[in-house]
Amino acid sequence: MTCHCIEENNLEKKSAALACARIRGRHTYNIIAAKIHDIHVAFSIENKVQSTVTDNGSNFVKDFQEFAQSEEDEGGDQDDNDTARFEDVSTILEREGGDK
């Protein structure tokens, strides 16, 4: 498991290898979810994770339903017609002088 983040104070990109864990036996969603949770807790990031990237195996699909926040947790009373705007942060960070 790796971690990638942007430092708030200087917008510097950081990456770290957190764990490489062997899972014996079946790789079911509950076993994978428990292992991911254990790693998050070990590094005190369980409430900081914003997204996770995996392959699309059925065990991962079920696993991340366990970690997904419900709409109520995210302010489910918001208008469904809101428009999301996505920014390419790597372009912003690579600019000379980087706009903050």
Protein backbone atom coordinates (compact mmCIF):
# COMPACT_ATOMS: atom_id res chain seq x y z
CA MET A 1 0.00 0.00 0.00
CA THR A 2 1.33 3.40 -0.92
CA CYS A 3 0.30 6.86 0.19
CA HIS A 4 0.42 10.01 -1.94
CA CYS A 5 -0.32 13.48 -0.63
CA ILE A 6 0.34 17.16 -1.10
CA GLU A 7 1.78 19.05 1.84
CA GLU A 8 -0.52 21.87 2.83
CA ASN A 9 2.15 24.41 3.73
CA ASN A 10 4.25 24.24 0.53
CA LEU A 11 2.14 22.18 -1.94
CA GLU A 12 4.99 19.69 -2.30
CA LYS A 13 4.02 16.22 -3.55
CA LYS A 14 4.97 13.38 -1.18
CA SER A 15 4.79 9.61 -1.57
CA ALA A 16 5.51 6.80 0.86
CA ALA A 17 5.31 3.02 0.88
CA LEU A 18 3.21 2.14 3.91
CA ALA A 19 2.96 -1.63 3.76
CA CYS A 20 3.36 -4.77 1.74
CA ALA A 21 1.30 -7.42 3.47
CA ARG A 22 0.83 -11.05 2.61
CA ILE A 23 -2.71 -12.34 2.91
CA ARG A 24 -2.87 -16.09 3.35
CA GLY A 25 -5.92 -17.98 2.19
CA ARG A 26 -8.84 -16.47 0.32
CA HIS A 27 -8.75 -12.81 -0.61
CA THR A 28 -12.32 -12.03 0.37
CA TYR A 29 -13.59 -8.50 0.82
CA ASN A 30 -13.82 -8.75 4.61
CA ILE A 31 -10.21 -9.97 4.93
CA ILE A 32 -8.94 -7.25 2.58
CA ALA A 33 -11.04 -4.59 4.34
CA ALA A 34 -9.64 -5.63 7.72
CA LYS A 35 -6.04 -5.51 6.43
CA ILE A 36 -6.53 -2.07 4.84
CA HIS A 37 -8.15 -0.79 8.04
CA ASP A 38 -5.26 -2.16 10.13
CA ILE A 39 -2.73 -0.32 7.93
CA HIS A 40 -4.74 2.91 8.07
CA VAL A 41 -4.91 2.68 11.87
CA ALA A 42 -1.19 1.84 12.19
CA PHE A 43 -0.34 5.09 10.38
CA SER A 44 -3.17 7.16 11.96
CA ILE A 45 -4.68 7.96 8.56
CA GLU A 46 -8.06 6.21 8.88
CA ASN A 47 -9.89 9.57 8.91
CA LYS A 48 -7.63 11.23 6.32
CA VAL A 49 -7.90 8.92 3.29
CA GLN A 50 -9.62 10.73 0.41
CA SER A 51 -9.48 8.07 -2.29
CA THR A 52 -8.14 4.61 -3.00
CA VAL A 53 -7.06 3.09 -6.30
CA THR A 54 -7.26 -0.67 -6.90
CA ASP A 55 -7.97 -3.07 -9.71
CA ASN A 56 -11.64 -3.81 -10.37
CA GLY A 57 -11.75 -7.33 -8.93
CA SER A 58 -15.04 -8.20 -7.25
CA ASN A 59 -13.29 -8.50 -3.88
CA PHE A 60 -12.16 -4.87 -4.15
CA VAL A 61 -15.57 -3.64 -5.31
CA LYS A 62 -17.20 -5.17 -2.21
CA ASP A 63 -14.31 -4.02 -0.02
CA PHE A 64 -14.64 -0.36 -0.86
CA GLN A 65 -18.37 -0.35 -0.27
CA GLU A 66 -17.30 -0.94 3.34
CA PHE A 67 -15.12 2.21 3.31
CA ALA A 68 -17.43 4.46 1.26
CA GLN A 69 -19.11 7.33 3.07
CA SER A 70 -22.86 7.49 2.84
CA GLU A 71 -24.53 10.52 1.26
CA GLU A 72 -25.72 11.55 4.71
CA ASP A 73 -22.11 11.67 5.94
CA GLU A 74 -21.26 13.97 3.04
CA GLY A 75 -24.25 16.29 3.46
CA GLY A 76 -26.84 14.27 1.56
CA ASP A 77 -29.30 17.16 1.53
CA GLN A 78 -27.26 18.95 -1.12
CA ASP A 79 -28.72 19.62 -4.56
CA ASP A 80 -28.08 16.69 -6.92
CA ASN A 81 -27.74 19.16 -9.80
CA ASP A 82 -24.53 20.71 -8.44
CA THR A 83 -21.71 20.88 -10.96
CA ALA A 84 -18.35 19.46 -9.95
CA ARG A 85 -15.17 21.11 -11.15
CA PHE A 86 -12.00 19.04 -11.41
CA GLU A 87 -8.56 20.61 -11.53
CA ASP A 88 -5.35 19.00 -12.76
CA VAL A 89 -3.28 19.68 -9.65
CA SER A 90 -0.09 18.32 -11.17
CA THR A 91 -0.19 21.08 -13.79
CA ILE A 92 -0.77 23.68 -11.09
CA LEU A 93 2.06 22.31 -8.95
CA GLU A 94 4.50 22.13 -11.87
CA ARG A 95 3.99 25.77 -12.83
CA GLU A 96 6.96 27.92 -11.98
CA GLY A 97 6.14 29.78 -8.79
CA GLY A 98 2.94 27.69 -8.36
CA ASP A 99 -0.22 29.68 -7.70
CA LYS A 100 -1.52 28.97 -4.20
